[in-house]
Amino acid sequence: MTGIYIHIPFCKQACSYCDFYFSTRKQLIAPFVKALIIEIESYRDTPFTKNPVKTIYLGGGTPSLLNEQHLASIFEALHSVFDTDPEEVTIEVNPDDVSDEYLKMLIRLDVDRLSMGIQSFQQELLTFMHRAHSREEALKALESIQKTGFPAFTADLIYGNPGQSVQMLEKDIQQLLLFDPPHVSAYSLTVEPKTRLGKQVELGRIRPPDDEVVAEHFDCVESNLRDGGLQRYEVSNFAKSGREAHHNSNYWNHRNYIGFGPSAHSFWWDNTAARRWNNRADLKKYLASPAADVVEESEIIPLHSLAEERLFLGLRTIWGVSETELKDRYQYELSDLQLEWIHQQTGRGVVTFDDKILKMTGTGLKISDLLVVDLLSKK
């Protein structure tokens, strides 16, 4: 299975917490689409086009700023160059861009999944995050999804905000559950150093909530979504049975994917080596030469490093990682110290190791990153 990711680097404004690469110069959208198609075309008749593409994901940025002509030309280029047989085509959207007409347009283009950044229904929190949409626009977008019968969607929520109480968070979740979402992604607010939020925290103007409060928010998210019929299948992702995101599993399971657009990342593992590379985060240079000198960094990843990465990502999911997979695919064997650690953590109730499959328990998922770091330190 392979996936394609396309980074659309345009936004109406900067959210306070976001450190993704973007531009607010919307007049460059049309030139960008032309450059993007040139980059896609540059892959024609290469080994990367021989595997069937099973997932397509348009992220950003704000892909919903593109019109039907833009999107149609992008999909036409993808279908022309790659062996596309997608089981999931996702586009990220902002609520203020969603309407009945917009959703019908996406259906015409065979887009079958939305990823919508709601973040909160509390207007004061939306203002704090510097989101472009309002509470009313979020509700209207969800109503349009229901009205048009759009095939699938996921909604993003952010918890752990300064000043956000558990009661506010629970109210947000219950509001969202009224629209019967098949999938929800809930992220703890992360303070990135070069963002507006990061600068405010650095200056002491904003104090992030304590870890205990964030942990309480984590429990609130899980219990309310579980009661609403959505089960946690990854630290930040919840879904009804059979409605899990396919594209994200490419990343977690080291399946091949190609990224297009400024700052996009790619991963390719063939019979010889695993390689990861990323495009330069520079829209001006991308427009000047989209098919040449676009890659900023490229690395060959040793099997040992891949194995550790697989443990880190796999143990964030309910499926965990099997000892057999580590041996057969990565030539990685758990050491005696690691097996002893696993035995100790099993006793603590944070991991299980049944049938040689290592998994986090519900308690362990709360601190999975810390636990994996500890596991990998045992040589």
Protein backbone atom coordinates (compact mmCIF):
# COMPACT_ATOMS: atom_id res chain seq x y z
CA MET A 1 0.00 0.00 0.00
CA THR A 2 1.24 3.51 -0.81
CA GLY A 3 -0.09 6.94 -0.01
CA ILE A 4 0.23 10.41 -1.44
CA TYR A 5 0.31 13.54 0.69
CA ILE A 6 -0.05 17.01 -0.82
CA HIS A 7 0.81 20.07 1.24
CA ILE A 8 -1.31 23.10 0.36
CA PRO A 9 0.64 25.97 1.98
CA PHE A 10 -2.05 28.65 2.25
CA CYS A 11 -4.08 29.97 5.18
CA LYS A 12 -6.28 32.98 5.82
CA GLN A 13 -4.37 33.71 9.01
CA ALA A 14 -1.93 32.11 11.44
CA CYS A 15 -3.36 30.06 14.32
CA SER A 16 -1.54 30.88 17.54
CA TYR A 17 -0.25 27.31 18.10
CA CYS A 18 0.62 26.25 14.53
CA ASP A 19 4.18 25.79 13.30
CA PHE A 20 3.33 24.21 9.93
CA TYR A 21 4.68 25.94 6.84
CA PHE A 22 2.10 28.25 5.22
CA SER A 23 1.58 31.58 3.46
CA THR A 24 -1.31 34.04 3.60
CA ARG A 25 -0.65 35.20 0.00
CA LYS A 26 -3.71 33.62 -1.53
CA GLN A 27 -2.99 35.29 -4.87
CA LEU A 28 -0.27 32.67 -5.31
CA ILE A 29 -2.70 29.72 -5.21
CA ALA A 30 -3.06 29.46 -9.01
CA PRO A 31 0.73 29.60 -9.66
CA PHE A 32 1.23 27.08 -6.86
CA VAL A 33 -1.21 24.60 -8.42
CA LYS A 34 0.66 24.84 -11.73
CA ALA A 35 3.98 24.25 -9.96
CA LEU A 36 2.50 21.35 -7.99
CA ILE A 37 1.38 19.65 -11.20
CA ILE A 38 4.88 20.04 -12.61
CA GLU A 39 6.30 18.34 -9.49
CA ILE A 40 3.77 15.51 -9.80
CA GLU A 41 4.60 15.09 -13.50
CA SER A 42 8.30 14.83 -12.65
CA TYR A 43 7.58 11.40 -11.11
CA ARG A 44 6.23 9.95 -14.35
CA ASP A 45 7.84 6.62 -15.36
CA THR A 46 9.81 6.32 -12.12
CA PRO A 47 9.80 3.31 -9.74
CA PHE A 48 7.59 5.33 -7.37
CA THR A 49 4.62 5.06 -9.76
CA LYS A 50 4.52 1.26 -9.95
CA ASN A 51 2.79 0.58 -6.61
CA PRO A 52 -0.97 1.21 -6.45
CA VAL A 53 -1.83 4.36 -4.52
CA LYS A 54 -4.41 3.52 -1.85
CA THR A 55 -4.73 6.82 0.01
CA ILE A 56 -4.58 10.47 -1.04
CA TYR A 57 -4.46 13.21 1.58
CA LEU A 58 -4.58 16.97 0.97
CA GLY A 59 -3.29 18.78 4.05
CA GLY A 60 -1.79 22.11 4.91
CA GLY A 61 -2.31 24.89 5.38
CA THR A 62 -5.91 25.11 4.31
CA PRO A 63 -6.69 22.99 1.22
CA SER A 64 -10.32 24.16 1.32
CA LEU A 65 -9.11 27.50 -0.08
CA LEU A 66 -8.69 25.79 -3.46
CA ASN A 67 -11.59 25.88 -5.92
CA GLU A 68 -12.98 23.05 -8.04
CA GLN A 69 -10.76 23.82 -11.03
CA HIS A 70 -7.64 23.75 -8.83
CA LEU A 71 -8.56 20.45 -7.21
CA ALA A 72 -9.69 18.81 -10.45
CA SER A 73 -6.39 19.61 -12.15
CA ILE A 74 -4.42 18.19 -9.19
CA PHE A 75 -6.39 14.93 -9.18
CA GLU A 76 -6.11 14.66 -12.97
CA ALA A 77 -2.32 14.90 -12.70
CA LEU A 78 -2.20 12.29 -9.92
CA HIS A 79 -4.38 9.83 -11.87
CA SER A 80 -2.30 10.39 -14.99
CA VAL A 81 1.09 9.77 -13.37
CA PHE A 82 0.33 7.23 -10.63
CA ASP A 83 -1.51 3.92 -10.49
CA THR A 84 -4.32 5.29 -8.35
CA ASP A 85 -6.81 2.94 -6.75
CA PRO A 86 -7.70 4.95 -3.64
CA GLU A 87 -9.72 3.51 -0.81
CA GLU A 88 -9.63 6.88 0.97
CA VAL A 89 -9.29 10.45 -0.36
CA THR A 90 -9.12 13.04 2.41
CA ILE A 91 -9.04 16.83 2.34
CA GLU A 92 -8.49 19.10 5.33
CA VAL A 93 -11.08 21.86 5.58
CA ASN A 94 -11.79 24.83 7.79
CA PRO A 95 -15.42 25.15 8.93
CA ASP A 96 -15.79 28.62 7.42
CA ASP A 97 -15.13 27.18 3.93
CA VAL A 98 -17.75 24.42 4.18
CA SER A 99 -21.15 24.72 2.52
CA ASP A 100 -23.63 22.37 0.84
CA GLU A 101 -22.30 23.40 -2.57
CA TYR A 102 -18.69 22.92 -1.55
CA LEU A 103 -19.35 19.41 -0.25
CA LYS A 104 -21.23 18.43 -3.41
CA MET A 105 -18.25 19.65 -5.42
CA LEU A 106 -15.92 17.41 -3.39
CA ILE A 107 -18.19 14.42 -3.98
CA ARG A 108 -18.03 15.10 -7.73
CA LEU A 109 -14.24 14.90 -7.45
CA ASP A 110 -14.45 11.56 -5.56
CA VAL A 111 -13.20 13.04 -2.29
CA ASP A 112 -14.79 10.83 0.36
CA ARG A 113 -13.39 12.07 3.66
CA LEU A 114 -13.09 15.45 5.38
CA SER A 115 -10.69 16.38 8.15
CA MET A 116 -12.18 19.47 9.77
CA GLY A 117 -10.36 21.58 12.33
CA ILE A 118 -13.11 22.58 14.75
CA GLN A 119 -10.78 22.69 17.81
CA SER A 120 -13.54 24.05 20.08
CA PHE A 121 -17.09 25.40 20.11
CA GLN A 122 -16.15 27.93 22.80
CA GLN A 123 -15.79 31.32 21.11
CA GLU A 124 -13.27 32.55 23.68
CA LEU A 125 -11.03 29.56 22.98
CA LEU A 126 -11.36 30.03 19.22
CA THR A 127 -10.28 33.65 19.69
CA PHE A 128 -7.36 32.56 21.89
CA MET A 129 -6.25 30.08 19.20
CA HIS A 130 -6.68 32.81 16.54
CA ARG A 131 -8.90 30.53 14.49
CA ALA A 132 -10.52 31.98 11.36
CA HIS A 133 -13.92 30.41 12.05
CA SER A 134 -16.60 31.03 14.67
CA ARG A 135 -18.72 28.67 16.75
CA GLU A 136 -21.67 29.31 14.46
CA GLU A 137 -19.65 28.46 11.36
CA ALA A 138 -18.50 25.18 12.92
CA LEU A 139 -22.09 24.18 13.69
CA LYS A 140 -23.23 25.19 10.21
CA ALA A 141 -20.44 23.11 8.62
CA LEU A 142 -21.46 20.03 10.62
CA GLU A 143 -25.08 20.58 9.60
CA SER A 144 -24.00 20.69 5.94
CA ILE A 145 -22.10 17.41 6.33
CA GLN A 146 -25.26 15.79 7.70
CA LYS A 147 -27.52 17.37 5.09
CA THR A 148 -25.42 16.33 2.10
CA GLY A 149 -24.70 12.87 3.48
CA PHE A 150 -20.98 13.30 2.98
CA PRO A 151 -19.35 9.83 3.13
CA ALA A 152 -16.97 10.33 6.07
CA PHE A 153 -15.38 12.99 8.21
CA THR A 154 -13.19 13.50 11.21
CA ALA A 155 -13.28 16.53 13.49
CA ASP A 156 -10.29 17.88 15.40
CA LEU A 157 -10.53 19.06 18.99
CA ILE A 158 -7.77 20.65 21.09
CA TYR A 159 -7.64 20.22 24.85
CA GLY A 160 -5.19 21.44 27.47
CA ASN A 161 -5.75 25.09 26.61
CA PRO A 162 -4.97 27.75 29.25
CA GLY A 163 -8.22 28.60 30.99
CA GLN A 164 -10.05 25.59 29.57
CA SER A 165 -11.95 23.73 32.27
CA VAL A 166 -12.98 20.09 32.13
CA GLN A 167 -16.57 21.28 31.99
CA MET A 168 -15.82 23.38 28.88
CA LEU A 169 -14.12 20.43 27.23
CA GLU A 170 -16.96 18.06 28.04
CA LYS A 171 -19.45 20.56 26.61
CA ASP A 172 -17.43 20.69 23.38
CA ILE A 173 -17.37 16.90 23.08
CA GLN A 174 -21.08 16.54 23.76
CA GLN A 175 -21.83 19.23 21.18
CA LEU A 176 -19.78 17.37 18.59
CA LEU A 177 -21.39 14.01 19.43
CA LEU A 178 -24.78 15.43 18.49
CA PHE A 179 -23.57 15.17 14.87
CA ASP A 180 -22.60 11.49 15.21
CA PRO A 181 -18.98 11.79 13.99
CA PRO A 182 -17.41 8.52 12.75
CA HIS A 183 -13.95 9.74 13.76
CA VAL A 184 -12.49 12.35 16.12
CA SER A 185 -8.90 13.49 16.57
CA ALA A 186 -8.20 15.13 19.94
CA TYR A 187 -4.84 16.78 20.50
CA SER A 188 -3.26 18.22 23.59
CA LEU A 189 -2.20 21.81 22.97
CA THR A 190 1.52 21.83 22.18
CA VAL A 191 3.59 24.97 22.71
CA GLU A 192 5.97 25.33 19.75
CA PRO A 193 8.80 27.85 20.21
CA LYS A 194 8.41 29.96 17.05
CA THR A 195 4.64 30.39 17.19
CA ARG A 196 2.61 33.25 18.60
CA LEU A 197 1.65 31.03 21.54
CA GLY A 198 5.27 30.02 22.10
CA LYS A 199 6.37 33.63 22.29
CA GLN A 200 3.60 34.50 24.75
CA VAL A 201 4.58 31.58 26.97
CA GLU A 202 8.24 32.55 26.76
CA LEU A 203 7.39 36.10 27.83
CA GLY A 204 5.34 34.80 30.75
CA ARG A 205 2.08 36.22 29.43
CA ILE A 206 0.46 32.79 29.21
CA ARG A 207 0.95 29.80 31.47
CA PRO A 208 0.08 26.37 30.08
CA PRO A 209 -1.99 24.14 32.37
CA ASP A 210 -0.22 21.73 34.71
CA ASP A 211 0.30 18.10 33.66
CA GLU A 212 -2.39 17.00 36.14
CA VAL A 213 -4.97 19.19 34.40
CA VAL A 214 -3.96 17.90 30.96
CA ALA A 215 -4.23 14.32 32.25
CA GLU A 216 -7.73 15.10 33.51
CA HIS A 217 -8.60 16.47 30.07
CA PHE A 218 -7.20 13.27 28.50
CA ASP A 219 -9.53 11.16 30.64
CA CYS A 220 -12.47 13.44 29.87
CA VAL A 221 -11.91 13.05 26.12
CA GLU A 222 -11.61 9.28 26.29
CA SER A 223 -14.59 8.64 28.56
CA ASN A 224 -16.98 10.96 26.72
CA LEU A 225 -16.03 9.72 23.25
CA ARG A 226 -16.22 6.10 24.42
CA ASP A 227 -19.73 6.74 25.72
CA GLY A 228 -20.48 8.22 22.30
CA GLY A 229 -19.42 5.01 20.54
CA LEU A 230 -15.88 6.01 19.54
CA GLN A 231 -12.92 3.96 20.75
CA ARG A 232 -9.37 5.22 21.08
CA TYR A 233 -7.18 3.41 18.54
CA GLU A 234 -4.19 5.77 18.74
CA VAL A 235 -3.18 8.25 21.42
CA SER A 236 -4.91 11.14 19.62
CA ASN A 237 -7.42 9.30 17.43
CA PHE A 238 -10.85 7.82 18.10
CA ALA A 239 -13.21 6.05 15.72
CA LYS A 240 -16.27 3.92 15.42
CA SER A 241 -15.48 0.34 14.47
CA GLY A 242 -14.17 0.17 10.92
CA ARG A 243 -13.92 3.96 10.52
CA GLU A 244 -10.25 4.37 11.42
CA ALA A 245 -8.13 6.61 9.19
CA HIS A 246 -6.27 4.63 6.52
CA HIS A 247 -3.79 7.30 5.45
CA ASN A 248 -2.31 7.85 8.90
CA SER A 249 -1.62 4.14 9.20
CA ASN A 250 0.88 4.53 6.34
CA TYR A 251 3.05 6.59 8.67
CA TRP A 252 2.64 4.35 11.71
CA ASN A 253 3.38 1.14 9.79
CA HIS A 254 6.23 2.33 7.56
CA ARG A 255 4.27 2.00 4.34
CA ASN A 256 5.56 3.98 1.38
CA TYR A 257 4.22 7.47 0.74
CA ILE A 258 5.19 10.42 -1.44
CA GLY A 259 4.75 14.05 -0.39
CA PHE A 260 4.26 16.94 -2.81
CA GLY A 261 4.45 20.67 -2.18
CA PRO A 262 6.69 22.88 0.00
CA SER A 263 7.74 21.18 3.29
CA ALA A 264 6.11 17.85 2.37
CA HIS A 265 7.82 14.66 3.58
CA SER A 266 8.22 11.32 1.79
CA PHE A 267 9.21 7.80 2.84
CA TRP A 268 10.18 4.91 0.59
CA TRP A 269 11.38 1.47 1.63
CA ASP A 270 12.31 -0.94 -1.15
CA ASN A 271 14.36 -4.13 -1.13
CA THR A 272 17.62 -2.25 -0.61
CA ALA A 273 17.09 0.61 1.83
CA ALA A 274 14.61 2.89 3.54
CA ARG A 275 14.86 6.53 2.55
CA ARG A 276 13.15 9.62 3.93
CA TRP A 277 13.28 13.06 2.36
CA ASN A 278 11.50 16.40 2.66
CA ASN A 279 10.85 19.28 0.33
CA ARG A 280 12.23 22.72 1.09
CA ALA A 281 9.79 24.91 3.04
CA ASP A 282 10.10 27.81 0.61
CA LEU A 283 7.13 28.73 -1.59
CA LYS A 284 9.11 31.29 -3.62
CA LYS A 285 11.76 28.74 -4.62
CA TYR A 286 9.09 26.09 -5.19
CA LEU A 287 7.28 28.31 -7.67
CA ALA A 288 10.56 29.04 -9.47
CA SER A 289 11.65 25.37 -9.84
CA PRO A 290 9.05 22.86 -8.62
CA ALA A 291 10.65 19.83 -10.26
CA ALA A 292 14.30 20.61 -9.63
CA ASP A 293 16.24 21.17 -6.42
CA VAL A 294 13.01 20.87 -4.41
CA VAL A 295 14.37 18.37 -1.88
CA GLU A 296 16.04 19.95 1.14
CA GLU A 297 17.08 16.89 3.15
CA SER A 298 17.38 13.20 2.35
CA GLU A 299 18.59 10.33 4.51
CA ILE A 300 19.00 6.58 4.39
CA ILE A 301 17.59 5.18 7.63
CA PRO A 302 19.36 2.22 9.27
CA LEU A 303 17.17 -0.78 10.12
CA HIS A 304 17.88 -0.35 13.83
CA SER A 305 16.60 3.24 13.75
CA LEU A 306 13.53 2.14 11.79
CA ALA A 307 12.81 -0.54 14.36
CA GLU A 308 12.97 1.97 17.20
CA GLU A 309 10.72 4.32 15.26
CA ARG A 310 8.27 1.48 14.64
CA LEU A 311 8.18 0.79 18.38
CA PHE A 312 7.62 4.46 19.15
CA LEU A 313 4.76 4.82 16.66
CA GLY A 314 3.24 1.36 17.01
CA LEU A 315 3.00 1.56 20.77
CA ARG A 316 0.89 4.70 20.40
CA THR A 317 -1.79 2.48 18.84
CA ILE A 318 -4.01 -0.21 20.33
CA TRP A 319 -2.47 -2.78 17.98
CA GLY A 320 1.04 -2.44 19.37
CA VAL A 321 4.05 -4.14 17.76
CA SER A 322 4.77 -7.85 17.43
CA GLU A 323 8.12 -9.34 18.31
CA THR A 324 7.90 -11.38 15.10
CA GLU A 325 7.55 -8.24 12.97
CA LEU A 326 10.55 -6.68 14.67
CA LYS A 327 12.66 -9.76 13.90
CA ASP A 328 11.47 -10.46 10.36
CA ARG A 329 11.11 -6.96 8.97
CA TYR A 330 13.68 -5.01 11.00
CA GLN A 331 16.13 -7.69 12.13
CA TYR A 332 15.63 -6.32 15.63
CA GLU A 333 15.53 -8.48 18.73
CA LEU A 334 14.42 -7.34 22.15
CA SER A 335 17.31 -7.52 24.60
CA ASP A 336 17.20 -9.31 27.93
CA LEU A 337 17.03 -5.92 29.66
CA GLN A 338 14.09 -4.90 27.49
CA LEU A 339 12.28 -8.17 28.17
CA GLU A 340 12.85 -7.63 31.89
CA TRP A 341 11.50 -4.08 31.56
CA ILE A 342 8.43 -5.43 29.76
CA HIS A 343 7.88 -7.93 32.57
CA GLN A 344 8.10 -5.15 35.17
CA GLN A 345 5.75 -2.84 33.27
CA THR A 346 3.28 -5.66 32.77
CA GLY A 347 3.19 -5.96 36.54
CA ARG A 348 2.50 -2.23 36.79
CA GLY A 349 -0.41 -2.59 34.39
CA VAL A 350 0.88 -0.22 31.69
CA VAL A 351 1.80 -2.77 29.00
CA THR A 352 0.77 -6.27 27.91
CA PHE A 353 2.87 -8.85 26.09
CA ASP A 354 0.46 -11.57 25.06
CA ASP A 355 1.31 -13.83 22.08
CA LYS A 356 4.54 -11.82 21.74
CA ILE A 357 2.64 -8.66 20.82
CA LEU A 358 3.66 -5.67 22.91
CA LYS A 359 0.84 -3.20 23.58
CA MET A 360 0.09 -0.32 25.89
CA THR A 361 -2.88 -0.60 28.22
CA GLY A 362 -5.26 2.32 28.53
CA THR A 363 -3.15 3.57 31.42
CA GLY A 364 0.05 3.15 29.43
CA LEU A 365 -1.27 5.09 26.43
CA LYS A 366 -1.43 8.21 28.60
CA ILE A 367 2.35 8.15 28.96
CA SER A 368 3.29 6.02 25.96
CA ASP A 369 6.03 8.36 24.71
CA LEU A 370 7.79 8.32 28.08
CA LEU A 371 7.47 4.56 28.38
CA VAL A 372 8.91 3.92 24.91
CA VAL A 373 11.86 6.21 25.61
CA ASP A 374 12.49 4.19 28.74
CA LEU A 375 12.18 0.90 26.83
CA LEU A 376 14.62 2.00 24.13
CA SER A 377 17.17 3.07 26.72
CA LYS A 378 17.50 -0.57 27.83
CA LYS A 379 20.26 -2.04 25.69
